[in-house]
Every structure is written in C-alpha cells, then in structure tokens.
PDB file of N, CA and C in Angstrom:
ATOM      1  N   MET A   1     -91.200  36.043 -53.094  1.00  0.00           N
ATOM      2  CA  MET A   1     -90.463  36.322 -54.398  1.00  0.00           C
ATOM      3  C   MET A   1     -91.034  35.855 -55.629  1.00  0.00           C
ATOM      4  N   ARG A   2     -91.624  35.154 -56.149  1.00  0.00           N
ATOM      5  CA  ARG A   2     -92.201  34.779 -57.271  1.00  0.00           C
ATOM      6  C   ARG A   2     -92.559  35.858 -58.303  1.00  0.00           C
ATOM      7  N   ALA A   3     -93.186  36.519 -57.277  1.00  0.00           N
ATOM      8  CA  ALA A   3     -93.429  37.847 -58.029  1.00  0.00           C
ATOM      9  C   ALA A   3     -92.587  38.873 -58.568  1.00  0.00           C
ATOM     10  N   GLY A   4     -91.368  38.509 -58.152  1.00  0.00           N
ATOM     11  CA  GLY A   4     -90.114  39.371 -58.308  1.00  0.00           C
ATOM     12  C   GLY A   4     -89.236  38.900 -59.715  1.00  0.00           C
ATOM     13  N   VAL A   5     -89.848  37.506 -60.342  1.00  0.00           N
ATOM     14  CA  VAL A   5     -89.070  36.664 -61.149  1.00  0.00           C
ATOM     15  C   VAL A   5     -89.015  37.231 -62.633  1.00  0.00           C
ATOM     16  N   GLU A   6     -90.204  37.816 -62.900  1.00  0.00           N
ATOM     17  CA  GLU A   6     -90.505  38.536 -63.950  1.00  0.00           C
ATOM     18  C   GLU A   6     -90.279  39.846 -64.130  1.00  0.00           C
ATOM     19  N   LEU A   7     -90.091  40.910 -63.232  1.00  0.00           N
ATOM     20  CA  LEU A   7     -89.677  42.372 -63.096  1.00  0.00           C
ATOM     21  C   LEU A   7     -88.209  42.117 -63.366  1.00  0.00           C
ATOM     22  N   PRO A   8     -87.835  43.635 -63.710  1.00  0.00           N
ATOM     23  CA  PRO A   8     -86.172  43.622 -64.235  1.00  0.00           C
ATOM     24  C   PRO A   8     -85.395  43.796 -63.491  1.00  0.00           C
ATOM     25  N   SER A   9     -84.134  43.274 -63.765  1.00  0.00           N
ATOM     26  CA  SER A   9     -83.075  43.389 -63.033  1.00  0.00           C
ATOM     27  C   SER A   9     -83.047  44.552 -62.004  1.00  0.00           C
ATOM     28  N   VAL A  10     -82.415  44.863 -60.995  1.00  0.00           N
ATOM     29  CA  VAL A  10     -82.525  46.253 -60.461  1.00  0.00           C
ATOM     30  C   VAL A  10     -80.696  46.728 -60.740  1.00  0.00           C
ATOM     31  N   TRP A  11     -79.839  45.567 -61.198  1.00  0.00           N
ATOM     32  CA  TRP A  11     -78.902  45.972 -62.208  1.00  0.00           C
ATOM     33  C   TRP A  11     -78.766  46.481 -63.490  1.00  0.00           C
ATOM     34  N   ASN A  12     -79.574  46.206 -63.881  1.00  0.00           N
ATOM     35  CA  ASN A  12     -79.541  46.829 -65.319  1.00  0.00           C
ATOM     36  C   ASN A  12     -79.323  47.866 -65.553  1.00  0.00           C
ATOM     37  N   ASP A  13     -79.929  48.948 -65.089  1.00  0.00           N
ATOM     38  CA  ASP A  13     -79.467  50.661 -64.629  1.00  0.00           C
ATOM     39  C   ASP A  13     -78.577  50.905 -64.074  1.00  0.00           C
ATOM     40  N   LEU A  14     -77.664  50.165 -63.397  1.00  0.00           N
ATOM     41  CA  LEU A  14     -77.089  50.866 -62.137  1.00  0.00           C
ATOM     42  C   LEU A  14     -75.511  51.446 -62.340  1.00  0.00           C
ATOM     43  N   ARG A  15     -75.166  50.506 -64.068  1.00  0.00           N
ATOM     44  CA  ARG A  15     -74.200  51.427 -64.718  1.00  0.00           C
ATOM     45  C   ARG A  15     -74.384  52.592 -64.701  1.00  0.00           C
ATOM     46  N   GLY A  16     -75.038  52.813 -65.599  1.00  0.00           N
ATOM     47  CA  GLY A  16     -75.638  54.206 -66.166  1.00  0.00           C
ATOM     48  C   GLY A  16     -75.708  55.558 -65.115  1.00  0.00           C
ATOM     49  N   GLN A  17     -76.000  54.825 -63.760  1.00  0.00           N
ATOM     50  CA  GLN A  17     -76.198  55.482 -62.894  1.00  0.00           C
ATOM     51  C   GLN A  17     -74.887  56.042 -62.182  1.00  0.00           C
ATOM     52  N   ILE A  18     -73.739  54.998 -62.720  1.00  0.00           N
ATOM     53  CA  ILE A  18     -72.919  55.403 -61.513  1.00  0.00           C
ATOM     54  C   ILE A  18     -71.812  56.306 -62.322  1.00  0.00           C
ATOM     55  N   GLU A  19     -71.899  56.054 -63.502  1.00  0.00           N
ATOM     56  CA  GLU A  19     -71.400  56.850 -64.020  1.00  0.00           C
ATOM     57  C   GLU A  19     -71.735  58.323 -64.349  1.00  0.00           C
ATOM     58  N   GLU A  20     -72.736  58.495 -63.943  1.00  0.00           N
ATOM     59  CA  GLU A  20     -73.535  59.757 -64.045  1.00  0.00           C
ATOM     60  C   GLU A  20     -72.632  60.413 -62.717  1.00  0.00           C
ATOM     61  N   PHE A  21     -72.931  59.473 -61.316  1.00  0.00           N
ATOM     62  CA  PHE A  21     -72.625  60.432 -60.003  1.00  0.00           C
ATOM     63  C   PHE A  21     -71.103  60.935 -60.388  1.00  0.00           C
ATOM     64  N   ILE A  22     -70.707  59.883 -61.109  1.00  0.00           N
ATOM     65  CA  ILE A  22     -68.774  60.180 -60.852  1.00  0.00           C
ATOM     66  C   ILE A  22     -68.834  61.972 -62.236  1.00  0.00           C
ATOM     67  N   GLU A  23     -69.716  61.587 -62.570  1.00  0.00           N
ATOM     68  CA  GLU A  23     -69.022  63.093 -64.096  1.00  0.00           C
ATOM     69  C   GLU A  23     -70.048  64.014 -62.706  1.00  0.00           C
ATOM     70  N   ILE A  24     -70.915  63.907 -62.172  1.00  0.00           N
ATOM     71  CA  ILE A  24     -71.157  65.252 -61.235  1.00  0.00           C
ATOM     72  C   ILE A  24     -69.854  65.329 -60.402  1.00  0.00           C
ATOM     73  N   MET A  25     -69.882  64.097 -59.639  1.00  0.00           N
ATOM     74  CA  MET A  25     -68.419  64.695 -58.574  1.00  0.00           C
ATOM     75  C   MET A  25     -66.964  65.057 -59.754  1.00  0.00           C
ATOM     76  N   GLN A  26     -66.916  64.823 -60.558  1.00  0.00           N
ATOM     77  CA  GLN A  26     -65.573  65.462 -61.103  1.00  0.00           C
ATOM     78  C   GLN A  26     -65.916  67.066 -61.476  1.00  0.00           C
ATOM     79  N   GLN A  27     -66.866  67.074 -62.142  1.00  0.00           N
ATOM     80  CA  GLN A  27     -67.376  68.673 -62.478  1.00  0.00           C
ATOM     81  C   GLN A  27     -67.110  69.088 -61.120  1.00  0.00           C
ATOM     82  N   HIS A  28     -67.457  68.863 -60.301  1.00  0.00           N
ATOM     83  CA  HIS A  28     -67.632  69.484 -58.734  1.00  0.00           C
ATOM     84  C   HIS A  28     -65.972  69.728 -58.110  1.00  0.00           C
ATOM     85  N   VAL A  29     -65.285  68.135 -58.220  1.00  0.00           N
ATOM     86  CA  VAL A  29     -63.781  68.583 -57.547  1.00  0.00           C
ATOM     87  C   VAL A  29     -63.048  69.679 -58.607  1.00  0.00           C
ATOM     88  N   GLN A  30     -63.271  69.034 -59.909  1.00  0.00           N
ATOM     89  CA  GLN A  30     -63.150  70.091 -61.130  1.00  0.00           C
ATOM     90  C   GLN A  30     -62.968  71.978 -61.025  1.00  0.00           C
ATOM     91  N   SER A  31     -64.393  72.015 -60.904  1.00  0.00           N
ATOM     92  CA  SER A  31     -64.735  73.568 -60.743  1.00  0.00           C
ATOM     93  C   SER A  31     -64.252  74.355 -59.404  1.00  0.00           C
ATOM     94  N   ASP A  32     -63.804  73.309 -58.438  1.00  0.00           N
ATOM     95  CA  ASP A  32     -64.437  73.847 -57.206  1.00  0.00           C
ATOM     96  C   ASP A  32     -62.732  73.909 -56.582  1.00  0.00           C
ATOM     97  N   TYR A  33     -61.582  72.714 -56.965  1.00  0.00           N
ATOM     98  CA  TYR A  33     -60.319  73.110 -56.807  1.00  0.00           C
ATOM     99  C   TYR A  33     -59.287  72.728 -57.395  1.00  0.00           C
ATOM    100  N   ASP A  34     -58.119  73.622 -57.424  1.00  0.00           N
ATOM    101  CA  ASP A  34     -57.411  72.859 -58.325  1.00  0.00           C
ATOM    102  C   ASP A  34     -56.192  72.497 -57.459  1.00  0.00           C
ATOM    103  N   ILE A  35     -55.712  71.299 -57.793  1.00  0.00           N
ATOM    104  CA  ILE A  35     -54.968  70.508 -56.546  1.00  0.00           C
ATOM    105  C   ILE A  35     -53.810  70.481 -57.503  1.00  0.00           C
ATOM    106  N   SER A  36     -52.939  70.929 -58.540  1.00  0.00           N
ATOM    107  CA  SER A  36     -51.956  70.550 -59.383  1.00  0.00           C
ATOM    108  C   SER A  36     -51.053  71.804 -58.619  1.00  0.00           C
ATOM    109  N   GLU A  37     -51.186  72.813 -57.433  1.00  0.00           N
ATOM    110  CA  GLU A  37     -50.332  73.503 -57.419  1.00  0.00           C
ATOM    111  C   GLU A  37     -50.174  73.246 -55.639  1.00  0.00           C
ATOM    112  N   ILE A  38     -49.364  73.488 -55.017  1.00  0.00           N
ATOM    113  CA  ILE A  38     -49.368  73.257 -54.163  1.00  0.00           C
ATOM    114  C   ILE A  38     -48.625  74.801 -53.360  1.00  0.00           C
ATOM    115  N   PRO A  39     -48.735  75.394 -52.175  1.00  0.00           N
ATOM    116  CA  PRO A  39     -48.426  76.445 -52.014  1.00  0.00           C
ATOM    117  C   PRO A  39     -47.420  76.460 -50.933  1.00  0.00           C
ATOM    118  N   ARG A  40     -46.812  77.886 -51.135  1.00  0.00           N
ATOM    119  CA  ARG A  40     -45.209  78.012 -51.628  1.00  0.00           C
ATOM    120  C   ARG A  40     -45.330  77.702 -49.886  1.00  0.00           C
ATOM    121  N   ALA A  41     -46.247  78.404 -48.786  1.00  0.00           N
ATOM    122  CA  ALA A  41     -46.309  78.278 -47.375  1.00  0.00           C
ATOM    123  C   ALA A  41     -46.105  76.454 -47.092  1.00  0.00           C
ATOM    124  N   GLN A  42     -46.710  75.841 -47.992  1.00  0.00           N
ATOM    125  CA  GLN A  42     -46.938  74.409 -47.333  1.00  0.00           C
ATOM    126  C   GLN A  42     -45.385  73.702 -47.830  1.00  0.00           C
ATOM    127  N   ARG A  43     -44.267  74.099 -48.526  1.00  0.00           N
ATOM    128  CA  ARG A  43     -43.185  73.585 -48.966  1.00  0.00           C
ATOM    129  C   ARG A  43     -42.381  74.035 -48.254  1.00  0.00           C
ATOM    130  N   ARG A  44     -41.894  72.960 -47.728  1.00  0.00           N
ATOM    131  CA  ARG A  44     -40.686  72.519 -46.847  1.00  0.00           C
ATOM    132  C   ARG A  44     -39.348  72.343 -47.557  1.00  0.00           C
ATOM    133  N   ALA A  45     -38.577  73.888 -47.318  1.00  0.00           N
ATOM    134  CA  ALA A  45     -36.987  73.066 -47.762  1.00  0.00           C
ATOM    135  C   ALA A  45     -36.387  72.176 -47.707  1.00  0.00           C
ATOM    136  N   LYS A  46     -35.670  71.526 -47.838  1.00  0.00           N
ATOM    137  CA  LYS A  46     -35.015  70.104 -47.351  1.00  0.00           C
ATOM    138  C   LYS A  46     -33.878  70.357 -46.673  1.00  0.00           C
ATOM    139  N   ALA A  47     -33.592  69.359 -45.385  1.00  0.00           N
ATOM    140  CA  ALA A  47     -32.699  70.023 -44.390  1.00  0.00           C
ATOM    141  C   ALA A  47     -31.470  69.864 -44.477  1.00  0.00           C
ATOM    142  N   LYS A  48     -31.022  70.990 -43.830  1.00  0.00           N
ATOM    143  CA  LYS A  48     -29.562  70.614 -43.958  1.00  0.00           C
ATOM    144  C   LYS A  48     -28.745  69.421 -43.378  1.00  0.00           C
ATOM    145  N   PRO A  49     -27.241  68.666 -43.565  1.00  0.00           N
ATOM    146  CA  PRO A  49     -27.407  67.505 -43.254  1.00  0.00           C
ATOM    147  C   PRO A  49     -27.371  67.894 -41.347  1.00  0.00           C
ATOM    148  N   LEU A  50     -27.556  66.929 -40.226  1.00  0.00           N
ATOM    149  CA  LEU A  50     -27.205  66.910 -38.938  1.00  0.00           C
ATOM    150  C   LEU A  50     -25.792  67.369 -38.888  1.00  0.00           C
ATOM    151  N   SER A  51     -24.904  67.368 -39.948  1.00  0.00           N
ATOM    152  CA  SER A  51     -23.773  67.494 -39.101  1.00  0.00           C
ATOM    153  C   SER A  51     -23.489  69.083 -39.156  1.00  0.00           C
ATOM    154  N   TYR A  52     -23.853  69.795 -39.530  1.00  0.00           N
ATOM    155  CA  TYR A  52     -24.346  71.266 -40.181  1.00  0.00           C
ATOM    156  C   TYR A  52     -24.803  71.725 -38.802  1.00  0.00           C
ATOM    157  N   TYR A  53     -25.914  71.552 -38.336  1.00  0.00           N
ATOM    158  CA  TYR A  53     -26.351  71.581 -36.891  1.00  0.00           C
ATOM    159  C   TYR A  53     -25.240  71.647 -35.594  1.00  0.00           C
ATOM    160  N   SER A  54     -24.405  70.515 -35.926  1.00  0.00           N
ATOM    161  CA  SER A  54     -23.866  69.880 -34.538  1.00  0.00           C
ATOM    162  C   SER A  54     -22.469  71.107 -34.615  1.00  0.00           C
ATOM    163  N   SER A  55     -21.790  71.691 -35.835  1.00  0.00           N
ATOM    164  CA  SER A  55     -21.088  72.561 -35.845  1.00  0.00           C
ATOM    165  C   SER A  55     -21.948  74.001 -35.531  1.00  0.00           C
ATOM    166  N   PHE A  56     -22.794  73.908 -34.681  1.00  0.00           N
ATOM    167  CA  PHE A  56     -22.434  75.331 -34.221  1.00  0.00           C
ATOM    168  C   PHE A  56     -22.230  75.320 -32.875  1.00  0.00           C
ATOM    169  N   ASN A  57     -21.810  76.498 -32.727  1.00  0.00           N
ATOM    170  CA  ASN A  57     -21.058  77.159 -31.380  1.00  0.00           C
ATOM    171  C   ASN A  57     -21.972  76.636 -30.059  1.00  0.00           C
ATOM    172  N   ASP A  58     -22.857  76.842 -30.395  1.00  0.00           N
ATOM    173  CA  ASP A  58     -24.318  76.844 -29.388  1.00  0.00           C
ATOM    174  C   ASP A  58     -24.773  75.242 -29.566  1.00  0.00           C
ATOM    175  N   ARG A  59     -24.244  74.429 -28.969  1.00  0.00           N
ATOM    176  CA  ARG A  59     -25.184  73.204 -28.902  1.00  0.00           C
ATOM    177  C   ARG A  59     -26.665  73.070 -28.888  1.00  0.00           C
ATOM    178  N   ASN A  60     -26.861  73.761 -27.778  1.00  0.00           N
ATOM    179  CA  ASN A  60     -28.438  73.802 -27.790  1.00  0.00           C
ATOM    180  C   ASN A  60     -29.684  74.346 -28.756  1.00  0.00           C
ATOM    181  N   ALA A  61     -28.332  75.541 -29.254  1.00  0.00           N
ATOM    182  CA  ALA A  61     -29.061  75.713 -30.367  1.00  0.00           C
ATOM    183  C   ALA A  61     -29.325  75.365 -31.779  1.00  0.00           C
ATOM    184  N   GLY A  62     -27.897  74.662 -31.838  1.00  0.00           N
ATOM    185  CA  GLY A  62     -27.883  73.222 -32.905  1.00  0.00           C
ATOM    186  C   GLY A  62     -29.048  72.491 -32.852  1.00  0.00           C
ATOM    187  N   ILE A  63     -29.012  72.007 -31.968  1.00  0.00           N
ATOM    188  CA  ILE A  63     -30.432  71.020 -31.187  1.00  0.00           C
ATOM    189  C   ILE A  63     -31.419  71.789 -31.951  1.00  0.00           C
ATOM    190  N   ALA A  64     -31.991  72.832 -31.604  1.00  0.00           N
ATOM    191  CA  ALA A  64     -33.129  73.154 -31.387  1.00  0.00           C
ATOM    192  C   ALA A  64     -33.409  73.405 -33.102  1.00  0.00           C
ATOM    193  N   ALA A  65     -32.020  74.462 -33.432  1.00  0.00           N
ATOM    194  CA  ALA A  65     -32.639  74.659 -35.393  1.00  0.00           C
ATOM    195  C   ALA A  65     -32.511  73.376 -35.690  1.00  0.00           C
ATOM    196  N   ALA A  66     -32.300  72.417 -35.529  1.00  0.00           N
ATOM    197  CA  ALA A  66     -32.226  70.725 -36.403  1.00  0.00           C
ATOM    198  C   ALA A  66     -33.708  70.379 -35.801  1.00  0.00           C
ATOM    199  N   TYR A  67     -34.488  70.691 -35.289  1.00  0.00           N
ATOM    200  CA  TYR A  67     -35.783  70.280 -34.492  1.00  0.00           C
ATOM    201  C   TYR A  67     -36.298  71.192 -35.667  1.00  0.00           C
ATOM    202  N   GLN A  68     -36.185  72.197 -35.311  1.00  0.00           N
ATOM    203  CA  GLN A  68     -37.514  73.246 -36.083  1.00  0.00           C
ATOM    204  C   GLN A  68     -37.544  73.348 -37.588  1.00  0.00           C
ATOM    205  N   THR A  69     -36.320  72.938 -38.303  1.00  0.00           N
ATOM    206  CA  THR A  69     -36.810  72.272 -39.543  1.00  0.00           C
ATOM    207  C   THR A  69     -37.947  71.049 -39.707  1.00  0.00           C
ATOM    208  N   GLY A  70     -38.073  70.456 -39.096  1.00  0.00           N
ATOM    209  CA  GLY A  70     -39.065  69.431 -38.541  1.00  0.00           C
ATOM    210  C   GLY A  70     -38.736  68.087 -40.055  1.00  0.00           C
ATOM    211  N   GLY A  71     -37.583  68.792 -40.464  1.00  0.00           N
ATOM    212  CA  GLY A  71     -36.806  67.546 -41.208  1.00  0.00           C
ATOM    213  C   GLY A  71     -35.805  66.050 -40.432  1.00  0.00           C
ATOM    214  N   TYR A  72     -36.094  65.948 -39.388  1.00  0.00           N
ATOM    215  CA  TYR A  72     -35.240  65.325 -38.550  1.00  0.00           C
ATOM    216  C   TYR A  72     -36.047  64.741 -36.952  1.00  0.00           C
ATOM    217  N   THR A  73     -36.262  64.079 -36.570  1.00  0.00           N
ATOM    218  CA  THR A  73     -36.418  63.181 -35.177  1.00  0.00           C
ATOM    219  C   THR A  73     -35.774  63.867 -34.103  1.00  0.00           C
ATOM    220  N   MET A  74     -36.313  63.683 -32.913  1.00  0.00           N
ATOM    221  CA  MET A  74     -36.077  63.889 -31.941  1.00  0.00           C
ATOM    222  C   MET A  74     -34.356  62.349 -31.345  1.00  0.00           C
ATOM    223  N   LYS A  75     -35.327  61.104 -32.073  1.00  0.00           N
ATOM    224  CA  LYS A  75     -33.674  59.958 -32.165  1.00  0.00           C
ATOM    225  C   LYS A  75     -33.074  60.375 -33.034  1.00  0.00           C
ATOM    226  N   ALA A  76     -33.189  61.422 -34.307  1.00  0.00           N
ATOM    227  CA  ALA A  76     -31.941  61.178 -35.312  1.00  0.00           C
ATOM    228  C   ALA A  76     -31.002  62.293 -34.451  1.00  0.00           C
ATOM    229  N   ILE A  77     -31.598  63.587 -34.275  1.00  0.00           N
ATOM    230  CA  ILE A  77     -30.859  64.327 -33.695  1.00  0.00           C
ATOM    231  C   ILE A  77     -30.108  63.874 -32.423  1.00  0.00           C
ATOM    232  N   ALA A  78     -30.761  63.294 -31.466  1.00  0.00           N
ATOM    233  CA  ALA A  78     -30.130  62.952 -30.371  1.00  0.00           C
ATOM    234  C   ALA A  78     -28.531  61.505 -30.547  1.00  0.00           C
ATOM    235  N   GLY A  79     -28.871  60.873 -31.827  1.00  0.00           N
ATOM    236  CA  GLY A  79     -27.550  60.394 -32.602  1.00  0.00           C
ATOM    237  C   GLY A  79     -26.778  61.057 -32.658  1.00  0.00           C
ATOM    238  N   GLU A  80     -27.128  61.572 -33.043  1.00  0.00           N
ATOM    239  CA  GLU A  80     -25.662  63.059 -33.702  1.00  0.00           C
ATOM    240  C   GLU A  80     -25.045  63.707 -32.815  1.00  0.00           C
ATOM    241  N   PHE A  81     -25.700  64.054 -31.773  1.00  0.00           N
ATOM    242  CA  PHE A  81     -25.023  64.503 -30.130  1.00  0.00           C
ATOM    243  C   PHE A  81     -24.855  64.075 -29.621  1.00  0.00           C
ATOM    244  N   TRP A  82     -25.003  62.696 -29.634  1.00  0.00           N
ATOM    245  CA  TRP A  82     -24.593  61.606 -28.919  1.00  0.00           C
ATOM    246  C   TRP A  82     -25.306  61.702 -27.549  1.00  0.00           C
ATOM    247  N   LEU A  83     -26.615  62.334 -27.048  1.00  0.00           N
ATOM    248  CA  LEU A  83     -27.652  62.031 -26.319  1.00  0.00           C
ATOM    249  C   LEU A  83     -28.656  61.435 -26.347  1.00  0.00           C
ATOM    250  N   HIS A  84     -29.182  61.769 -25.296  1.00  0.00           N
ATOM    251  CA  HIS A  84     -30.194  60.864 -24.764  1.00  0.00           C
ATOM    252  C   HIS A  84     -32.088  61.502 -25.686  1.00  0.00           C
ATOM    253  N   TYR A  85     -32.651  61.159 -26.467  1.00  0.00           N
ATOM    254  CA  TYR A  85     -33.504  61.487 -27.000  1.00  0.00           C
ATOM    255  C   TYR A  85     -34.569  62.590 -25.721  1.00  0.00           C
ATOM    256  N   VAL A  86     -34.260  62.262 -24.565  1.00  0.00           N
ATOM    257  CA  VAL A  86     -34.792  62.900 -23.394  1.00  0.00           C
ATOM    258  C   VAL A  86     -34.507  64.257 -23.640  1.00  0.00           C
ATOM    259  N   THR A  87     -33.013  64.155 -23.731  1.00  0.00           N
ATOM    260  CA  THR A  87     -32.066  65.234 -23.185  1.00  0.00           C
ATOM    261  C   THR A  87     -32.811  66.342 -24.604  1.00  0.00           C
ATOM    262  N   VAL A  88     -32.657  65.490 -25.418  1.00  0.00           N
ATOM    263  CA  VAL A  88     -32.710  66.541 -26.797  1.00  0.00           C
ATOM    264  C   VAL A  88     -34.379  67.206 -26.371  1.00  0.00           C
ATOM    265  N   SER A  89     -35.129  66.439 -26.280  1.00  0.00           N
ATOM    266  CA  SER A  89     -36.502  66.850 -26.182  1.00  0.00           C
ATOM    267  C   SER A  89     -36.454  68.087 -24.881  1.00  0.00           C
ATOM    268  N   ARG A  90     -35.827  67.872 -23.594  1.00  0.00           N
ATOM    269  CA  ARG A  90     -36.227  68.966 -22.579  1.00  0.00           C
ATOM    270  C   ARG A  90     -35.156  69.991 -23.673  1.00  0.00           C
ATOM    271  N   ILE A  91     -34.075  70.116 -24.060  1.00  0.00           N
ATOM    272  CA  ILE A  91     -33.863  71.054 -25.032  1.00  0.00           C
ATOM    273  C   ILE A  91     -34.381  71.719 -26.149  1.00  0.00           C
ATOM    274  N   VAL A  92     -35.035  70.995 -26.862  1.00  0.00           N
ATOM    275  CA  VAL A  92     -36.223  71.696 -27.606  1.00  0.00           C
ATOM    276  C   VAL A  92     -37.284  72.358 -26.735  1.00  0.00           C
ATOM    277  N   GLU A  93     -37.889  71.800 -25.609  1.00  0.00           N
ATOM    278  CA  GLU A  93     -38.608  72.378 -25.245  1.00  0.00           C
ATOM    279  C   GLU A  93     -38.453  74.009 -24.471  1.00  0.00           C
ATOM    280  N   LYS A  94     -37.265  73.760 -24.231  1.00  0.00           N
ATOM    281  CA  LYS A  94     -36.742  74.951 -23.572  1.00  0.00           C
ATOM    282  C   LYS A  94     -36.387  76.373 -24.349  1.00  0.00           C
ATOM    283  N   ASN A  95     -36.100  75.605 -26.191  1.00  0.00           N
ATOM    284  CA  ASN A  95     -35.906  76.912 -26.640  1.00  0.00           C
ATOM    285  C   ASN A  95     -36.890  76.888 -27.494  1.00  0.00           C
ATOM    286  N   TRP A  96     -37.789  76.157 -27.850  1.00  0.00           N
ATOM    287  CA  TRP A  96     -39.593  76.686 -28.650  1.00  0.00           C
ATOM    288  C   TRP A  96     -39.346  78.052 -28.490  1.00  0.00           C
ATOM    289  N   GLY A  97     -39.309  78.302 -29.958  1.00  0.00           N
ATOM    290  CA  GLY A  97     -40.101  79.560 -30.075  1.00  0.00           C
ATOM    291  C   GLY A  97     -39.182  80.482 -29.937  1.00  0.00           C
ATOM    292  N   MET A  98     -37.833  80.080 -30.493  1.00  0.00           N
ATOM    293  CA  MET A  98     -36.898  80.835 -30.549  1.00  0.00           C
ATOM    294  C   MET A  98     -36.684  80.617 -31.905  1.00  0.00           C
ATOM    295  N   ILE A  99     -36.473  81.851 -32.738  1.00  0.00           N
ATOM    296  CA  ILE A  99     -35.738  81.316 -34.211  1.00  0.00           C
ATOM    297  C   ILE A  99     -34.642  81.645 -34.199  1.00  0.00           C
ATOM    298  N   TYR A 100     -33.918  80.660 -35.522  1.00  0.00           N
ATOM    299  CA  TYR A 100     -32.685  80.463 -35.722  1.00  0.00           C
ATOM    300  C   TYR A 100     -33.030  81.106 -37.223  1.00  0.00           C
ATOM    301  N   PHE A 101     -32.213  81.859 -37.707  1.00  0.00           N
ATOM    302  CA  PHE A 101     -32.167  82.473 -38.668  1.00  0.00           C
ATOM    303  C   PHE A 101     -31.066  81.678 -39.315  1.00  0.00           C
ATOM    304  N   ILE A 102     -30.847  80.923 -40.198  1.00  0.00           N
ATOM    305  CA  ILE A 102     -29.800  79.504 -40.747  1.00  0.00           C
ATOM    306  C   ILE A 102     -29.897  80.230 -42.438  1.00  0.00           C
ATOM    307  N   LYS A 103     -28.312  80.797 -42.903  1.00  0.00           N
ATOM    308  CA  LYS A 103     -28.417  80.893 -43.953  1.00  0.00           C
ATOM    309  C   LYS A 103     -28.460  79.372 -44.762  1.00  0.00           C
ATOM    310  N   THR A 104     -29.163  79.607 -46.037  1.00  0.00           N
ATOM    311  CA  THR A 104     -29.306  78.214 -47.024  1.00  0.00           C
ATOM    312  C   THR A 104     -28.042  78.687 -48.377  1.00  0.00           C
TER     313      THR A 104
END
C-alpha cells in the first residue's frame, strides 16, 4: 500500500478518457442513424372514438375493427359494447386477419 502512495492517482486522467469515449460514440451514432424521423409505416393514425365502432351494423365487425386499430384494449371495447372482455377476445380471435376498410 505504501508503494502506491507516491504514484499519481488513477483518477487524474479519467475525465479525458470519458470525454474521448463520448465523442467517439456520438460520432458513431450520428454517422449511422438519423433518428429525427419516424418512418410512415411506424406511425399510427389516431383511433376513432369507440362510439364510431359501436355504430357498425355488424357488432362483431365493429369490435374487431376497434381492436385492430391498436388504440383500444379489449377491456375498453368490452365496456363500450356492454360485453365481458373474454367475449371480446373470442370475437377478435374469430375475426383476426379480416381487413375492415374504414373511411377516415
């Protein structure tokens, strides 16, 4: 332990190492990625109100369409349609993969 007393502290040069590391990492990130834009495919339009889906002539189509927007949970849909969420789950499962074209 006494031999290390007169040696320079290991912390003296640490700050420069951190700054150099940060600079290298920032250059790497800036050169490889442009995170300022989100691709259009990853953007989701705001879901219409649940009352819109409850006005469908086919109740099950309305339930499936509401869930497929990604904007509502099964519990929220169940509340709008006065159903149990398990019933909503079964309806969604039976109608999964069907595409409902909804005018926006």
